[in-house]
């Protein structure tokens, strides 16, 4: 997210969550924080995932095969966010080139793991959600214990407007 405008990212995240019928300020902030934390801790992974959410290919396939395959309406909505031809040629590339699609898959990882959202302003709680439902859920090689470190990293950014609408 270093080179992307967080206001534009916020718009894409909000639009995607609305398309999925799951918009809330809490979900929006969780996904913004997820991008930040994945960017900060991506170097700790033995193999970096794809796109701003750093989702690995295996997790991407598992979302489709083990979760979306049993929810055809949701699968159709998410597939509608993907490119027509490019998705069929290389679905993993969509995680890099299509922020709306990547956001939908990231949110689906949270939903599959039955995320319980704290308030939108609770940076510690949102960081804990990332660690519990996302970081460890889609990459078993990532070390645990990031949530405590993340609050220190996020507090100054929140004050600077990271999570301000």
N, C-alpha and C. Protein backbone atom coordinates (compact mmCIF):
# COMPACT_ATOMS: atom_id res chain seq x y z
N UNK A 1 0.82 -1.18 0.00
CA UNK A 1 0.00 0.00 0.00
C UNK A 1 0.87 1.25 0.00
N UNK A 2 2.16 1.10 0.02
CA UNK A 2 3.07 2.23 0.06
C UNK A 2 2.83 3.20 -1.08
N UNK A 3 2.54 2.68 -2.24
CA UNK A 3 2.44 3.52 -3.43
C UNK A 3 1.01 3.79 -3.87
N UNK A 4 0.06 3.32 -3.11
CA UNK A 4 -1.33 3.52 -3.46
C UNK A 4 -1.98 4.50 -2.50
N UNK A 5 -2.88 5.29 -3.00
CA UNK A 5 -3.59 6.27 -2.18
C UNK A 5 -4.63 5.54 -1.33
N UNK A 6 -4.53 5.68 0.00
CA UNK A 6 -5.45 4.94 0.86
C UNK A 6 -6.90 5.41 0.74
N UNK A 7 -7.14 6.66 0.28
CA UNK A 7 -8.52 7.09 0.03
C UNK A 7 -9.13 6.29 -1.12
N UNK A 8 -8.34 6.06 -2.17
CA UNK A 8 -8.84 5.26 -3.29
C UNK A 8 -9.04 3.81 -2.90
N UNK A 9 -8.11 3.29 -2.11
CA UNK A 9 -8.25 1.91 -1.65
C UNK A 9 -9.51 1.78 -0.79
N UNK A 10 -9.74 2.75 0.07
CA UNK A 10 -10.93 2.75 0.93
C UNK A 10 -12.21 2.70 0.07
N UNK A 11 -12.23 3.46 -1.02
CA UNK A 11 -13.40 3.45 -1.91
C UNK A 11 -13.62 2.08 -2.54
N UNK A 12 -12.54 1.45 -2.97
CA UNK A 12 -12.66 0.12 -3.58
C UNK A 12 -13.12 -0.90 -2.53
N UNK A 13 -12.55 -0.84 -1.34
CA UNK A 13 -12.94 -1.77 -0.28
C UNK A 13 -14.43 -1.58 0.05
N UNK A 14 -14.86 -0.33 0.23
CA UNK A 14 -16.26 -0.07 0.56
C UNK A 14 -17.18 -0.57 -0.55
N UNK A 15 -16.83 -0.28 -1.80
CA UNK A 15 -17.65 -0.73 -2.94
C UNK A 15 -17.73 -2.26 -2.97
N UNK A 16 -16.60 -2.92 -2.75
CA UNK A 16 -16.59 -4.38 -2.79
C UNK A 16 -17.44 -4.97 -1.67
N UNK A 17 -17.29 -4.44 -0.47
CA UNK A 17 -18.10 -4.94 0.65
C UNK A 17 -19.59 -4.70 0.41
N UNK A 18 -19.94 -3.57 -0.18
CA UNK A 18 -21.35 -3.31 -0.51
C UNK A 18 -21.84 -4.29 -1.57
N UNK A 19 -21.00 -4.58 -2.56
CA UNK A 19 -21.36 -5.55 -3.60
C UNK A 19 -21.63 -6.92 -2.98
N UNK A 20 -20.84 -7.27 -1.98
CA UNK A 20 -21.01 -8.56 -1.30
C UNK A 20 -22.14 -8.56 -0.28
N UNK A 21 -22.71 -7.37 -0.02
CA UNK A 21 -23.76 -7.25 0.99
C UNK A 21 -23.23 -7.31 2.41
N UNK A 22 -21.96 -6.92 2.59
CA UNK A 22 -21.32 -7.03 3.90
C UNK A 22 -20.66 -5.74 4.37
N UNK A 23 -21.12 -4.60 3.88
CA UNK A 23 -20.45 -3.36 4.27
C UNK A 23 -20.70 -3.00 5.74
N UNK A 24 -19.63 -2.60 6.39
CA UNK A 24 -19.68 -1.97 7.71
C UNK A 24 -18.37 -1.22 7.86
N UNK A 25 -18.35 -0.13 8.65
CA UNK A 25 -17.09 0.57 8.89
C UNK A 25 -16.03 -0.35 9.52
N UNK A 26 -16.50 -1.29 10.34
CA UNK A 26 -15.58 -2.23 10.97
C UNK A 26 -14.90 -3.11 9.92
N UNK A 27 -15.67 -3.65 9.00
CA UNK A 27 -15.11 -4.50 7.95
C UNK A 27 -14.17 -3.70 7.05
N UNK A 28 -14.58 -2.47 6.72
CA UNK A 28 -13.74 -1.61 5.89
C UNK A 28 -12.38 -1.36 6.56
N UNK A 29 -12.39 -1.00 7.83
CA UNK A 29 -11.15 -0.73 8.54
C UNK A 29 -10.31 -1.99 8.71
N UNK A 30 -10.97 -3.12 8.93
CA UNK A 30 -10.24 -4.37 9.06
C UNK A 30 -9.48 -4.68 7.77
N UNK A 31 -10.11 -4.47 6.64
CA UNK A 31 -9.44 -4.76 5.37
C UNK A 31 -8.32 -3.76 5.09
N UNK A 32 -8.50 -2.50 5.46
CA UNK A 32 -7.41 -1.52 5.33
C UNK A 32 -6.22 -1.93 6.20
N UNK A 33 -6.50 -2.30 7.42
CA UNK A 33 -5.44 -2.73 8.33
C UNK A 33 -4.79 -4.01 7.83
N UNK A 34 -5.57 -4.89 7.26
CA UNK A 34 -5.02 -6.13 6.71
C UNK A 34 -3.97 -5.83 5.65
N UNK A 35 -4.27 -4.90 4.75
CA UNK A 35 -3.29 -4.53 3.72
C UNK A 35 -2.02 -4.01 4.38
N UNK A 36 -2.16 -3.12 5.34
CA UNK A 36 -0.99 -2.56 6.04
C UNK A 36 -0.17 -3.64 6.73
N UNK A 37 -0.85 -4.50 7.46
CA UNK A 37 -0.13 -5.52 8.23
C UNK A 37 0.50 -6.56 7.33
N UNK A 38 -0.19 -6.94 6.27
CA UNK A 38 0.40 -7.89 5.33
C UNK A 38 1.63 -7.29 4.66
N UNK A 39 1.58 -6.00 4.37
CA UNK A 39 2.73 -5.33 3.78
C UNK A 39 3.90 -5.29 4.77
N UNK A 40 3.60 -4.97 6.01
CA UNK A 40 4.66 -4.87 7.03
C UNK A 40 5.27 -6.22 7.38
N UNK A 41 4.46 -7.25 7.41
CA UNK A 41 4.94 -8.56 7.86
C UNK A 41 5.16 -9.54 6.73
N UNK A 42 4.99 -9.10 5.49
CA UNK A 42 5.18 -9.98 4.34
C UNK A 42 6.58 -10.53 4.22
N UNK A 43 7.56 -9.77 4.67
CA UNK A 43 8.94 -10.23 4.59
C UNK A 43 9.19 -11.42 5.51
N UNK A 44 8.34 -11.62 6.50
CA UNK A 44 8.52 -12.72 7.44
C UNK A 44 8.04 -14.05 6.87
N UNK A 45 7.28 -14.00 5.80
CA UNK A 45 6.80 -15.22 5.19
C UNK A 45 7.91 -15.85 4.35
N UNK A 46 7.95 -17.16 4.32
CA UNK A 46 8.97 -17.81 3.50
C UNK A 46 8.66 -17.60 2.02
N UNK A 47 7.40 -17.56 1.68
CA UNK A 47 6.98 -17.25 0.31
C UNK A 47 5.91 -16.18 0.42
N UNK A 48 6.14 -15.09 -0.27
CA UNK A 48 5.18 -13.99 -0.21
C UNK A 48 3.94 -14.33 -1.01
N UNK A 49 2.80 -13.91 -0.48
CA UNK A 49 1.55 -14.12 -1.19
C UNK A 49 1.37 -13.10 -2.30
N UNK A 50 0.21 -13.11 -2.91
CA UNK A 50 -0.06 -12.28 -4.07
C UNK A 50 -0.93 -11.08 -3.73
N UNK A 51 -0.63 -9.96 -4.34
CA UNK A 51 -1.44 -8.77 -4.22
C UNK A 51 -1.30 -8.08 -2.87
N UNK A 52 -2.11 -7.07 -2.65
CA UNK A 52 -1.99 -6.28 -1.43
C UNK A 52 -2.33 -7.05 -0.16
N UNK A 53 -3.12 -8.11 -0.28
CA UNK A 53 -3.48 -8.92 0.89
C UNK A 53 -2.53 -10.10 1.10
N UNK A 54 -1.60 -10.29 0.17
CA UNK A 54 -0.58 -11.35 0.25
C UNK A 54 -1.20 -12.74 0.42
N UNK A 55 -2.20 -13.01 -0.38
CA UNK A 55 -2.90 -14.31 -0.33
C UNK A 55 -2.12 -15.30 -1.19
N UNK A 56 -1.77 -16.44 -0.62
CA UNK A 56 -1.02 -17.42 -1.38
C UNK A 56 -1.97 -18.22 -2.28
N UNK A 57 -1.39 -18.85 -3.29
CA UNK A 57 -2.18 -19.59 -4.28
C UNK A 57 -2.99 -20.72 -3.65
N UNK A 58 -2.39 -21.40 -2.70
CA UNK A 58 -3.08 -22.51 -2.04
C UNK A 58 -4.33 -22.03 -1.31
N UNK A 59 -4.21 -20.93 -0.58
CA UNK A 59 -5.37 -20.38 0.13
C UNK A 59 -6.44 -19.92 -0.85
N UNK A 60 -6.01 -19.34 -1.96
CA UNK A 60 -6.94 -18.89 -2.98
C UNK A 60 -7.76 -20.07 -3.50
N UNK A 61 -7.07 -21.15 -3.82
CA UNK A 61 -7.76 -22.35 -4.30
C UNK A 61 -8.69 -22.93 -3.24
N UNK A 62 -8.23 -22.95 -1.98
CA UNK A 62 -9.06 -23.49 -0.90
C UNK A 62 -10.34 -22.67 -0.71
N UNK A 63 -10.25 -21.37 -0.85
CA UNK A 63 -11.44 -20.52 -0.73
C UNK A 63 -12.47 -20.95 -1.77
N UNK A 64 -12.01 -21.16 -3.01
CA UNK A 64 -12.94 -21.57 -4.06
C UNK A 64 -13.43 -23.00 -3.88
N UNK A 65 -12.52 -23.92 -3.60
CA UNK A 65 -12.88 -25.34 -3.54
C UNK A 65 -13.62 -25.75 -2.26
N UNK A 66 -13.23 -25.16 -1.14
CA UNK A 66 -13.78 -25.60 0.14
C UNK A 66 -14.85 -24.69 0.72
N UNK A 67 -15.03 -23.51 0.12
CA UNK A 67 -15.99 -22.57 0.70
C UNK A 67 -16.96 -22.03 -0.36
N UNK A 68 -16.44 -21.37 -1.37
CA UNK A 68 -17.33 -20.77 -2.37
C UNK A 68 -18.06 -21.81 -3.22
N UNK A 69 -17.49 -22.98 -3.37
CA UNK A 69 -18.16 -24.05 -4.13
C UNK A 69 -19.50 -24.42 -3.51
N UNK A 70 -19.66 -24.13 -2.21
CA UNK A 70 -20.88 -24.47 -1.50
C UNK A 70 -21.80 -23.27 -1.30
N UNK A 71 -21.44 -22.15 -1.91
CA UNK A 71 -22.24 -20.93 -1.84
C UNK A 71 -22.27 -20.30 -3.24
N UNK A 72 -23.07 -20.89 -4.14
CA UNK A 72 -23.03 -20.46 -5.54
C UNK A 72 -23.40 -19.00 -5.76
N UNK A 73 -24.29 -18.45 -4.96
CA UNK A 73 -24.65 -17.04 -5.14
C UNK A 73 -23.46 -16.14 -4.83
N UNK A 74 -22.78 -16.40 -3.72
CA UNK A 74 -21.60 -15.63 -3.35
C UNK A 74 -20.49 -15.84 -4.36
N UNK A 75 -20.30 -17.07 -4.78
CA UNK A 75 -19.27 -17.38 -5.78
C UNK A 75 -19.53 -16.60 -7.07
N UNK A 76 -20.77 -16.53 -7.48
CA UNK A 76 -21.13 -15.79 -8.69
C UNK A 76 -20.86 -14.30 -8.53
N UNK A 77 -21.18 -13.76 -7.37
CA UNK A 77 -20.92 -12.33 -7.11
C UNK A 77 -19.42 -12.05 -7.16
N UNK A 78 -18.63 -12.89 -6.53
CA UNK A 78 -17.18 -12.69 -6.53
C UNK A 78 -16.61 -12.90 -7.92
N UNK A 79 -17.08 -13.91 -8.61
CA UNK A 79 -16.61 -14.15 -9.99
C UNK A 79 -16.94 -12.95 -10.87
N UNK A 80 -18.07 -12.28 -10.60
CA UNK A 80 -18.45 -11.09 -11.35
C UNK A 80 -17.49 -9.92 -11.15
N UNK A 81 -16.75 -9.92 -10.08
CA UNK A 81 -15.74 -8.88 -9.84
C UNK A 81 -14.46 -9.14 -10.62
N UNK A 82 -14.26 -10.37 -11.07
CA UNK A 82 -13.04 -10.74 -11.78
C UNK A 82 -13.13 -10.37 -13.25
N UNK A 83 -11.99 -10.30 -13.88
CA UNK A 83 -11.93 -10.03 -15.32
C UNK A 83 -12.54 -11.20 -16.08
N UNK A 84 -13.10 -10.92 -17.22
CA UNK A 84 -13.76 -11.97 -18.00
C UNK A 84 -12.77 -13.05 -18.46
N UNK A 85 -11.80 -12.65 -19.27
CA UNK A 85 -10.89 -13.61 -19.89
C UNK A 85 -9.69 -13.92 -19.00
N UNK A 86 -9.13 -12.90 -18.35
CA UNK A 86 -7.92 -13.10 -17.56
C UNK A 86 -8.12 -14.09 -16.42
N UNK A 87 -9.30 -14.07 -15.79
CA UNK A 87 -9.57 -14.99 -14.70
C UNK A 87 -9.49 -16.44 -15.16
N UNK A 88 -9.97 -16.72 -16.34
CA UNK A 88 -9.95 -18.09 -16.87
C UNK A 88 -8.52 -18.53 -17.22
N UNK A 89 -7.69 -17.58 -17.64
CA UNK A 89 -6.31 -17.92 -17.99
C UNK A 89 -5.41 -18.09 -16.77
N UNK A 90 -5.58 -17.21 -15.77
CA UNK A 90 -4.76 -17.28 -14.56
C UNK A 90 -5.51 -16.61 -13.42
N UNK A 91 -6.34 -17.37 -12.70
CA UNK A 91 -7.15 -16.76 -11.64
C UNK A 91 -6.31 -16.11 -10.53
N UNK A 92 -5.11 -16.63 -10.28
CA UNK A 92 -4.27 -16.06 -9.23
C UNK A 92 -3.80 -14.64 -9.58
N UNK A 93 -3.67 -14.36 -10.86
CA UNK A 93 -3.24 -13.03 -11.30
C UNK A 93 -4.24 -11.96 -10.87
N UNK A 94 -5.50 -12.34 -10.72
CA UNK A 94 -6.52 -11.40 -10.28
C UNK A 94 -6.23 -10.85 -8.88
N UNK A 95 -5.54 -11.62 -8.06
CA UNK A 95 -5.18 -11.16 -6.72
C UNK A 95 -4.20 -9.99 -6.77
N UNK A 96 -3.46 -9.89 -7.87
CA UNK A 96 -2.47 -8.83 -8.05
C UNK A 96 -3.07 -7.66 -8.82
N UNK A 97 -3.82 -7.94 -9.86
CA UNK A 97 -4.24 -6.89 -10.79
C UNK A 97 -5.63 -6.32 -10.51
N UNK A 98 -6.40 -6.94 -9.64
CA UNK A 98 -7.78 -6.54 -9.45
C UNK A 98 -8.07 -6.36 -7.95
N UNK A 99 -8.02 -5.12 -7.49
CA UNK A 99 -8.18 -4.85 -6.07
C UNK A 99 -9.56 -5.26 -5.55
N UNK A 100 -10.60 -5.07 -6.34
CA UNK A 100 -11.94 -5.47 -5.89
C UNK A 100 -12.02 -6.98 -5.70
N UNK A 101 -11.50 -7.73 -6.64
CA UNK A 101 -11.51 -9.18 -6.53
C UNK A 101 -10.66 -9.64 -5.33
N UNK A 102 -9.46 -9.09 -5.19
CA UNK A 102 -8.59 -9.44 -4.07
C UNK A 102 -9.26 -9.13 -2.74
N UNK A 103 -9.96 -7.99 -2.68
CA UNK A 103 -10.69 -7.61 -1.47
C UNK A 103 -11.80 -8.61 -1.17
N UNK A 104 -12.51 -9.04 -2.18
CA UNK A 104 -13.58 -10.02 -1.99
C UNK A 104 -13.02 -11.34 -1.45
N UNK A 105 -11.89 -11.77 -1.98
CA UNK A 105 -11.28 -13.02 -1.50
C UNK A 105 -10.78 -12.84 -0.07
N UNK A 106 -10.16 -11.70 0.22
CA UNK A 106 -9.68 -11.44 1.59
C UNK A 106 -10.85 -11.44 2.57
N UNK A 107 -11.94 -10.77 2.21
CA UNK A 107 -13.10 -10.73 3.10
C UNK A 107 -13.68 -12.14 3.28
N UNK A 108 -13.64 -12.94 2.22
CA UNK A 108 -14.15 -14.30 2.29
C UNK A 108 -13.31 -15.14 3.24
N UNK A 109 -12.00 -14.89 3.29
CA UNK A 109 -11.15 -15.60 4.25
C UNK A 109 -11.63 -15.29 5.67
N UNK A 110 -11.92 -14.01 5.92
CA UNK A 110 -12.44 -13.65 7.24
C UNK A 110 -13.79 -14.31 7.51
N UNK A 111 -14.68 -14.27 6.53
CA UNK A 111 -16.01 -14.85 6.73
C UNK A 111 -15.95 -16.35 6.93
N UNK A 112 -15.12 -17.01 6.15
CA UNK A 112 -14.99 -18.47 6.29
C UNK A 112 -14.57 -18.83 7.70
N UNK A 113 -13.78 -17.97 8.32
CA UNK A 113 -13.29 -18.21 9.67
C UNK A 113 -14.18 -17.59 10.75
N UNK A 114 -15.38 -17.14 10.32
CA UNK A 114 -16.41 -16.62 11.24
C UNK A 114 -15.88 -15.49 12.12
N UNK A 115 -15.32 -14.46 11.46
CA UNK A 115 -14.76 -13.31 12.16
C UNK A 115 -15.81 -12.60 13.01
N UNK A 116 -15.42 -12.19 14.19
CA UNK A 116 -16.23 -11.34 15.04
C UNK A 116 -15.52 -9.99 15.07
N UNK A 117 -16.20 -8.95 14.57
CA UNK A 117 -15.56 -7.65 14.42
C UNK A 117 -15.67 -6.78 15.66
N UNK A 118 -14.55 -6.18 16.06
CA UNK A 118 -14.61 -5.17 17.12
C UNK A 118 -15.07 -3.85 16.52
N UNK A 119 -15.10 -2.80 17.30
CA UNK A 119 -15.51 -1.50 16.76
C UNK A 119 -14.49 -1.03 15.72
N UNK A 120 -14.93 -0.17 14.84
CA UNK A 120 -14.09 0.32 13.74
C UNK A 120 -12.86 1.08 14.23
N UNK A 121 -12.94 1.65 15.42
CA UNK A 121 -11.83 2.44 15.96
C UNK A 121 -10.89 1.63 16.85
N UNK A 122 -11.21 0.39 17.13
CA UNK A 122 -10.42 -0.45 18.01
C UNK A 122 -9.25 -1.07 17.24
N UNK A 123 -8.14 -0.35 17.17
CA UNK A 123 -7.00 -0.81 16.40
C UNK A 123 -6.40 -2.10 16.95
N UNK A 124 -6.36 -2.24 18.24
CA UNK A 124 -5.85 -3.46 18.84
C UNK A 124 -6.75 -4.64 18.48
N UNK A 125 -8.06 -4.43 18.59
CA UNK A 125 -9.01 -5.49 18.25
C UNK A 125 -8.95 -5.86 16.78
N UNK A 126 -8.84 -4.87 15.91
CA UNK A 126 -8.75 -5.15 14.47
C UNK A 126 -7.45 -5.88 14.14
N UNK A 127 -6.36 -5.48 14.79
CA UNK A 127 -5.08 -6.17 14.58
C UNK A 127 -5.16 -7.61 15.06
N UNK A 128 -5.84 -7.82 16.17
CA UNK A 128 -6.03 -9.18 16.69
C UNK A 128 -6.87 -10.00 15.72
N UNK A 129 -7.90 -9.40 15.15
CA UNK A 129 -8.71 -10.09 14.13
C UNK A 129 -7.85 -10.52 12.96
N UNK A 130 -6.99 -9.63 12.51
CA UNK A 130 -6.09 -9.97 11.40
C UNK A 130 -5.26 -11.19 11.77
N UNK A 131 -4.67 -11.15 12.95
CA UNK A 131 -3.80 -12.25 13.36
C UNK A 131 -4.58 -13.56 13.51
N UNK A 132 -5.72 -13.49 14.16
CA UNK A 132 -6.49 -14.70 14.46
C UNK A 132 -7.19 -15.29 13.24
N UNK A 133 -7.81 -14.44 12.43
CA UNK A 133 -8.67 -14.93 11.35
C UNK A 133 -8.03 -14.88 9.97
N UNK A 134 -6.98 -14.12 9.80
CA UNK A 134 -6.41 -13.96 8.47
C UNK A 134 -4.97 -14.44 8.39
N UNK A 135 -4.09 -13.86 9.18
CA UNK A 135 -2.66 -14.17 9.09
C UNK A 135 -2.38 -15.65 9.30
N UNK A 136 -2.92 -16.20 10.36
CA UNK A 136 -2.67 -17.61 10.63
C UNK A 136 -3.60 -18.52 9.83
N UNK A 137 -4.72 -17.98 9.39
CA UNK A 137 -5.69 -18.80 8.65
C UNK A 137 -5.21 -19.13 7.25
N UNK A 138 -4.48 -18.20 6.62
CA UNK A 138 -4.07 -18.48 5.25
C UNK A 138 -2.58 -18.68 5.09
N UNK A 139 -1.84 -18.66 6.19
CA UNK A 139 -0.42 -18.96 6.08
C UNK A 139 0.08 -19.53 7.39
N UNK A 140 0.18 -20.82 7.45
CA UNK A 140 0.59 -21.48 8.68
C UNK A 140 2.07 -21.27 8.99
N UNK A 141 2.84 -20.74 8.04
CA UNK A 141 4.27 -20.53 8.27
C UNK A 141 4.56 -19.21 8.95
N UNK A 142 3.58 -18.30 9.03
CA UNK A 142 3.82 -17.00 9.65
C UNK A 142 3.88 -17.18 11.16
N UNK A 143 4.88 -16.57 11.80
CA UNK A 143 4.93 -16.65 13.25
C UNK A 143 3.78 -15.89 13.89
N UNK A 144 3.31 -16.38 15.03
CA UNK A 144 2.24 -15.68 15.73
C UNK A 144 2.83 -14.60 16.61
N UNK A 145 1.95 -13.81 17.23
CA UNK A 145 2.39 -12.77 18.15
C UNK A 145 2.48 -11.40 17.53
N UNK A 146 1.91 -11.21 16.34
CA UNK A 146 1.99 -9.92 15.67
C UNK A 146 1.04 -8.88 16.22
N UNK A 147 -0.05 -9.27 16.81
CA UNK A 147 -1.08 -8.30 17.21
C UNK A 147 -0.52 -7.25 18.16
N UNK A 148 0.31 -7.65 19.11
CA UNK A 148 0.89 -6.68 20.03
C UNK A 148 1.78 -5.69 19.30
N UNK A 149 2.56 -6.18 18.35
CA UNK A 149 3.45 -5.32 17.58
C UNK A 149 2.66 -4.37 16.70
N UNK A 150 1.53 -4.80 16.19
CA UNK A 150 0.76 -4.03 15.22
C UNK A 150 0.15 -2.78 15.82
N UNK A 151 -0.25 -2.83 17.07
CA UNK A 151 -0.87 -1.65 17.66
C UNK A 151 0.12 -0.49 17.66
N UNK A 152 1.37 -0.76 18.00
CA UNK A 152 2.38 0.31 17.98
C UNK A 152 2.53 0.88 16.59
N UNK A 153 2.50 0.02 15.60
CA UNK A 153 2.68 0.46 14.23
C UNK A 153 1.48 1.26 13.74
N UNK A 154 0.28 0.87 14.15
CA UNK A 154 -0.91 1.51 13.60
C UNK A 154 -1.33 2.78 14.32
N UNK A 155 -1.05 2.91 15.58
CA UNK A 155 -1.52 4.08 16.30
C UNK A 155 -1.11 5.39 15.64
N UNK A 156 0.17 5.60 15.30
CA UNK A 156 0.55 6.87 14.66
C UNK A 156 -0.13 7.06 13.31
N UNK A 157 -0.28 6.00 12.57
CA UNK A 157 -0.93 6.12 11.26
C UNK A 157 -2.40 6.47 11.39
N UNK A 158 -3.05 5.93 12.42
CA UNK A 158 -4.46 6.27 12.63
C UNK A 158 -4.59 7.74 12.94
N UNK A 159 -3.67 8.24 13.76
CA UNK A 159 -3.70 9.67 14.10
C UNK A 159 -3.46 10.52 12.86
N UNK A 160 -2.70 10.01 11.93
CA UNK A 160 -2.39 10.76 10.70
C UNK A 160 -3.50 10.62 9.67
N UNK A 161 -4.52 9.84 9.97
CA UNK A 161 -5.66 9.75 9.06
C UNK A 161 -5.83 8.44 8.34
N UNK A 162 -5.04 7.40 8.69
CA UNK A 162 -5.18 6.13 8.01
C UNK A 162 -6.61 5.61 8.04
N UNK A 163 -7.25 5.70 9.19
CA UNK A 163 -8.59 5.15 9.32
C UNK A 163 -9.68 6.22 9.32
N UNK A 164 -9.34 7.44 9.01
CA UNK A 164 -10.34 8.49 8.95
C UNK A 164 -11.05 8.45 7.61
N UNK A 165 -12.35 8.65 7.63
CA UNK A 165 -13.13 8.60 6.39
C UNK A 165 -12.90 9.83 5.55
